[in-house]
Amino acid sequence: MQKLKNTATINIGKNIREIRLSQNIGQTQLVQLLQLQGISITRESLVKIERGTQHIYTTELKAIRDTLNTTYDNLLK
């Protein structure tokens, strides 16, 4: 499993948060939706990912992309 990290030019966590909020989805709700897809993630992990203090696995990123019905371009801008 590969990890992706936030950089000065790509803030994945910030992008996830912005997309999630634009769809009126709470952190707990997103975590529940991800867990239904078999992604083992906690709300605490999502908070850290959104803050940029925890790396995100590619499997998590794919599931978030699918759950939020967005694109990799939007997540990695």
Protein backbone atom coordinates (compact mmCIF):
# COMPACT_ATOMS: atom_id res chain seq x y z
CA MET A 1 0.00 0.00 0.00
CA GLN A 2 1.40 3.36 -0.99
CA LYS A 3 1.17 6.52 1.11
CA LEU A 4 0.75 9.99 -0.31
CA LYS A 5 1.78 13.03 1.64
CA ASN A 6 0.83 16.66 1.58
CA THR A 7 3.39 19.01 0.08
CA ALA A 8 3.68 22.75 -0.24
CA THR A 9 2.01 22.60 -3.64
CA ILE A 10 -0.47 19.77 -3.06
CA ASN A 11 -2.60 19.87 0.08
CA ILE A 12 -4.73 16.75 -0.27
CA GLY A 13 -6.27 17.10 3.18
CA LYS A 14 -7.39 20.67 2.60
CA ASN A 15 -8.93 19.67 -0.73
CA ILE A 16 -10.78 16.74 0.86
CA ARG A 17 -12.15 19.04 3.55
CA GLU A 18 -13.30 21.68 1.04
CA ILE A 19 -15.05 19.11 -1.17
CA ARG A 20 -16.61 17.36 1.83
CA LEU A 21 -17.95 20.64 3.26
CA SER A 22 -19.27 21.79 -0.13
CA GLN A 23 -21.41 18.64 -0.13
CA ASN A 24 -22.56 19.15 3.48
CA ILE A 25 -20.99 15.86 4.58
CA GLY A 26 -19.66 15.68 8.14
CA GLN A 27 -16.46 13.91 9.08
CA THR A 28 -18.32 11.17 10.93
CA GLN A 29 -20.63 10.60 7.97
CA LEU A 30 -17.70 10.37 5.54
CA VAL A 31 -15.92 7.89 7.81
CA GLN A 32 -19.07 5.75 8.01
CA LEU A 33 -19.44 5.77 4.22
CA LEU A 34 -15.78 4.78 3.82
CA GLN A 35 -16.13 1.98 6.37
CA LEU A 36 -19.09 0.60 4.40
CA GLN A 37 -16.67 0.25 1.47
CA GLY A 38 -14.26 -1.72 3.64
CA ILE A 39 -11.86 1.16 4.31
CA SER A 40 -10.57 0.94 7.86
CA ILE A 41 -10.38 4.59 8.91
CA THR A 42 -11.35 6.47 12.05
CA ARG A 43 -12.65 9.98 12.44
CA GLU A 44 -9.39 10.85 14.21
CA SER A 45 -7.43 9.67 11.17
CA LEU A 46 -9.61 11.74 8.85
CA VAL A 47 -9.05 14.82 11.03
CA LYS A 48 -5.28 14.29 10.82
CA ILE A 49 -5.42 13.75 7.06
CA GLU A 50 -7.43 16.96 6.60
CA ARG A 51 -4.96 18.86 8.80
CA GLY A 52 -2.05 17.49 6.80
CA THR A 53 -0.46 15.75 9.79
CA GLN A 54 -1.10 12.19 8.59
CA HIS A 55 -0.32 10.57 5.26
CA ILE A 56 -3.18 9.15 3.22
CA TYR A 57 -3.05 5.72 1.63
CA THR A 58 -3.87 5.43 -2.05
CA THR A 59 -6.73 3.06 -1.20
CA GLU A 60 -8.20 5.72 1.12
CA LEU A 61 -7.80 8.41 -1.53
CA LYS A 62 -9.58 6.29 -4.13
CA ALA A 63 -12.45 5.55 -1.73
CA ILE A 64 -12.76 9.23 -0.78
CA ARG A 65 -12.77 10.16 -4.46
CA ASP A 66 -15.57 7.68 -5.14
CA THR A 67 -17.57 8.59 -2.02
CA LEU A 68 -17.38 12.33 -2.69
CA ASN A 69 -18.03 11.73 -6.39
CA THR A 70 -15.06 13.87 -7.38
CA THR A 71 -11.87 13.46 -9.40
CA TYR A 72 -8.22 12.94 -8.58
CA ASP A 73 -7.59 16.32 -10.22
CA ASN A 74 -9.80 18.02 -7.64
CA LEU A 75 -8.19 16.13 -4.76
CA LEU A 76 -4.61 16.71 -5.92
CA LYS A 77 -4.83 20.31 -7.16
